[in-house]
Amino acid sequence: MAAYVDPQSKGPVIELGPGTGPVTEALVAQGIDPARLILLEFDPTFCRLLRRPLPGRHRGAGRCL
């Protein structure tokens, strides 16, 4: 999925349901600036996992309906 995001595009990259973070890590590995990432996760367990350091990353917890 990360391959579909152009690292040269402008604006935020919103990830719904990042879970344990494999797509997030792939986005950063392909050159997406972590400051552009907005991660929205509903599951409290996964939210705790996503607290690991990634400078500039925005996090949110709640339903996205």
N, C-alpha and C. Protein backbone atom coordinates (compact mmCIF):
# COMPACT_ATOMS: atom_id res chain seq x y z
N MET A 1 0.82 -1.20 0.00
CA MET A 1 0.00 0.00 0.00
C MET A 1 0.85 1.25 0.00
N ALA A 2 1.96 1.21 0.71
CA ALA A 2 2.80 2.40 0.80
C ALA A 2 3.34 2.82 -0.56
N ALA A 3 3.50 1.88 -1.46
CA ALA A 3 4.04 2.18 -2.78
C ALA A 3 3.13 3.10 -3.59
N TYR A 4 1.86 3.19 -3.23
CA TYR A 4 0.92 4.04 -3.96
C TYR A 4 1.00 5.51 -3.55
N VAL A 5 1.75 5.81 -2.50
CA VAL A 5 1.86 7.19 -2.02
C VAL A 5 3.13 7.81 -2.59
N ASP A 6 2.96 8.92 -3.28
CA ASP A 6 4.09 9.62 -3.88
C ASP A 6 4.78 10.47 -2.82
N PRO A 7 6.04 10.18 -2.50
CA PRO A 7 6.73 10.96 -1.47
C PRO A 7 6.90 12.43 -1.84
N GLN A 8 6.78 12.76 -3.13
CA GLN A 8 6.93 14.14 -3.59
C GLN A 8 5.63 14.93 -3.52
N SER A 9 4.50 14.23 -3.28
CA SER A 9 3.22 14.94 -3.19
C SER A 9 3.20 15.80 -1.93
N LYS A 10 2.31 16.76 -1.91
CA LYS A 10 2.20 17.69 -0.78
C LYS A 10 1.06 17.26 0.14
N GLY A 11 1.09 17.74 1.36
CA GLY A 11 -0.02 17.54 2.29
C GLY A 11 0.16 16.32 3.17
N PRO A 12 -0.82 16.13 4.06
CA PRO A 12 -0.73 15.02 5.02
C PRO A 12 -1.00 13.67 4.37
N VAL A 13 -0.49 12.64 5.01
CA VAL A 13 -0.79 11.26 4.65
C VAL A 13 -1.54 10.69 5.85
N ILE A 14 -2.80 10.36 5.64
CA ILE A 14 -3.65 9.87 6.72
C ILE A 14 -3.75 8.35 6.61
N GLU A 15 -3.37 7.67 7.68
CA GLU A 15 -3.44 6.22 7.71
C GLU A 15 -4.53 5.81 8.70
N LEU A 16 -5.56 5.15 8.20
CA LEU A 16 -6.64 4.66 9.04
C LEU A 16 -6.32 3.23 9.46
N GLY A 17 -6.25 3.01 10.75
CA GLY A 17 -5.97 1.68 11.26
C GLY A 17 -4.54 1.23 11.05
N PRO A 18 -3.56 1.99 11.57
CA PRO A 18 -2.17 1.60 11.38
C PRO A 18 -1.76 0.33 12.13
N GLY A 19 -2.58 -0.12 13.06
CA GLY A 19 -2.27 -1.37 13.76
C GLY A 19 -0.91 -1.35 14.42
N THR A 20 -0.07 -2.32 14.07
CA THR A 20 1.27 -2.41 14.67
C THR A 20 2.29 -1.56 13.93
N GLY A 21 1.93 -0.95 12.82
CA GLY A 21 2.79 0.01 12.16
C GLY A 21 3.58 -0.42 10.94
N PRO A 22 3.32 -1.60 10.32
CA PRO A 22 4.16 -1.99 9.18
C PRO A 22 4.02 -1.07 7.97
N VAL A 23 2.81 -0.59 7.69
CA VAL A 23 2.63 0.31 6.56
C VAL A 23 3.24 1.67 6.89
N THR A 24 3.09 2.11 8.13
CA THR A 24 3.69 3.37 8.57
C THR A 24 5.20 3.33 8.35
N GLU A 25 5.82 2.24 8.77
CA GLU A 25 7.27 2.09 8.61
C GLU A 25 7.65 2.06 7.13
N ALA A 26 6.82 1.42 6.30
CA ALA A 26 7.10 1.37 4.86
C ALA A 26 6.98 2.76 4.24
N LEU A 27 6.01 3.55 4.71
CA LEU A 27 5.86 4.92 4.21
C LEU A 27 7.11 5.74 4.49
N VAL A 28 7.60 5.64 5.71
CA VAL A 28 8.80 6.39 6.10
C VAL A 28 10.01 5.88 5.32
N ALA A 29 10.10 4.57 5.14
CA ALA A 29 11.22 3.98 4.41
C ALA A 29 11.25 4.44 2.95
N GLN A 30 10.08 4.73 2.39
CA GLN A 30 10.05 5.16 0.99
C GLN A 30 10.19 6.67 0.84
N GLY A 31 10.37 7.37 1.95
CA GLY A 31 10.69 8.79 1.87
C GLY A 31 9.60 9.74 2.32
N ILE A 32 8.51 9.22 2.90
CA ILE A 32 7.47 10.10 3.43
C ILE A 32 7.98 10.72 4.72
N ASP A 33 7.93 12.02 4.82
CA ASP A 33 8.36 12.73 6.02
C ASP A 33 7.41 12.36 7.16
N PRO A 34 7.90 11.84 8.28
CA PRO A 34 7.03 11.47 9.40
C PRO A 34 6.13 12.62 9.87
N ALA A 35 6.56 13.85 9.67
CA ALA A 35 5.74 15.00 10.07
C ALA A 35 4.45 15.08 9.27
N ARG A 36 4.38 14.42 8.11
CA ARG A 36 3.18 14.43 7.27
C ARG A 36 2.18 13.35 7.69
N LEU A 37 2.60 12.41 8.54
CA LEU A 37 1.76 11.27 8.89
C LEU A 37 0.74 11.62 9.98
N ILE A 38 -0.49 11.26 9.70
CA ILE A 38 -1.56 11.34 10.70
C ILE A 38 -2.10 9.92 10.82
N LEU A 39 -1.90 9.31 11.98
CA LEU A 39 -2.29 7.92 12.20
C LEU A 39 -3.51 7.89 13.10
N LEU A 40 -4.57 7.24 12.62
CA LEU A 40 -5.81 7.14 13.39
C LEU A 40 -6.10 5.68 13.68
N GLU A 41 -6.08 5.32 14.94
CA GLU A 41 -6.28 3.94 15.36
C GLU A 41 -7.36 3.88 16.43
N PHE A 42 -8.26 2.92 16.32
CA PHE A 42 -9.37 2.76 17.25
C PHE A 42 -8.99 1.87 18.43
N ASP A 43 -8.24 0.82 18.18
CA ASP A 43 -7.93 -0.18 19.20
C ASP A 43 -6.90 0.36 20.21
N PRO A 44 -7.27 0.42 21.49
CA PRO A 44 -6.37 0.97 22.50
C PRO A 44 -5.03 0.23 22.59
N THR A 45 -5.04 -1.08 22.36
CA THR A 45 -3.80 -1.85 22.42
C THR A 45 -2.85 -1.38 21.32
N PHE A 46 -3.37 -1.22 20.11
CA PHE A 46 -2.53 -0.75 19.02
C PHE A 46 -2.09 0.70 19.25
N CYS A 47 -2.94 1.50 19.85
CA CYS A 47 -2.56 2.88 20.16
C CYS A 47 -1.33 2.90 21.06
N ARG A 48 -1.29 2.01 22.03
CA ARG A 48 -0.12 1.94 22.92
C ARG A 48 1.13 1.55 22.13
N LEU A 49 0.99 0.60 21.19
CA LEU A 49 2.14 0.20 20.37
C LEU A 49 2.64 1.34 19.51
N LEU A 50 1.74 2.20 19.07
CA LEU A 50 2.10 3.29 18.17
C LEU A 50 2.77 4.46 18.91
N ARG A 51 2.89 4.36 20.21
CA ARG A 51 3.53 5.43 20.96
C ARG A 51 5.05 5.40 20.84
N ARG A 52 5.58 4.37 20.20
CA ARG A 52 7.04 4.31 20.05
C ARG A 52 7.51 5.53 19.25
N PRO A 53 8.73 5.94 19.45
CA PRO A 53 9.22 7.19 18.85
C PRO A 53 9.21 7.18 17.32
N LEU A 54 8.66 8.21 16.77
CA LEU A 54 8.77 8.53 15.34
C LEU A 54 8.58 10.04 15.28
N PRO A 55 9.67 10.78 15.27
CA PRO A 55 9.61 12.24 15.37
C PRO A 55 8.63 12.87 14.38
N GLY A 56 7.81 13.77 14.90
CA GLY A 56 6.92 14.53 14.04
C GLY A 56 5.60 13.83 13.72
N ARG A 57 5.44 12.60 14.14
CA ARG A 57 4.21 11.86 13.80
C ARG A 57 3.06 12.36 14.65
N HIS A 58 1.90 12.50 14.03
CA HIS A 58 0.67 12.85 14.74
C HIS A 58 -0.12 11.58 14.99
N ARG A 59 -0.71 11.48 16.16
CA ARG A 59 -1.50 10.30 16.49
C ARG A 59 -2.88 10.75 16.93
N GLY A 60 -3.85 9.89 16.67
CA GLY A 60 -5.20 10.12 17.16
C GLY A 60 -5.80 8.78 17.56
N ALA A 61 -6.73 8.80 18.47
CA ALA A 61 -7.42 7.59 18.87
C ALA A 61 -8.91 7.86 18.80
N GLY A 62 -9.64 6.98 18.19
CA GLY A 62 -11.08 7.14 18.10
C GLY A 62 -11.62 6.51 16.82
N ARG A 63 -12.92 6.55 16.70
CA ARG A 63 -13.57 5.98 15.52
C ARG A 63 -13.53 6.97 14.36
N CYS A 64 -13.34 6.43 13.18
CA CYS A 64 -13.34 7.25 11.97
C CYS A 64 -14.53 6.80 11.13
N LEU A 65 -15.66 7.36 11.40
CA LEU A 65 -16.88 6.98 10.66
C LEU A 65 -17.44 8.17 9.94
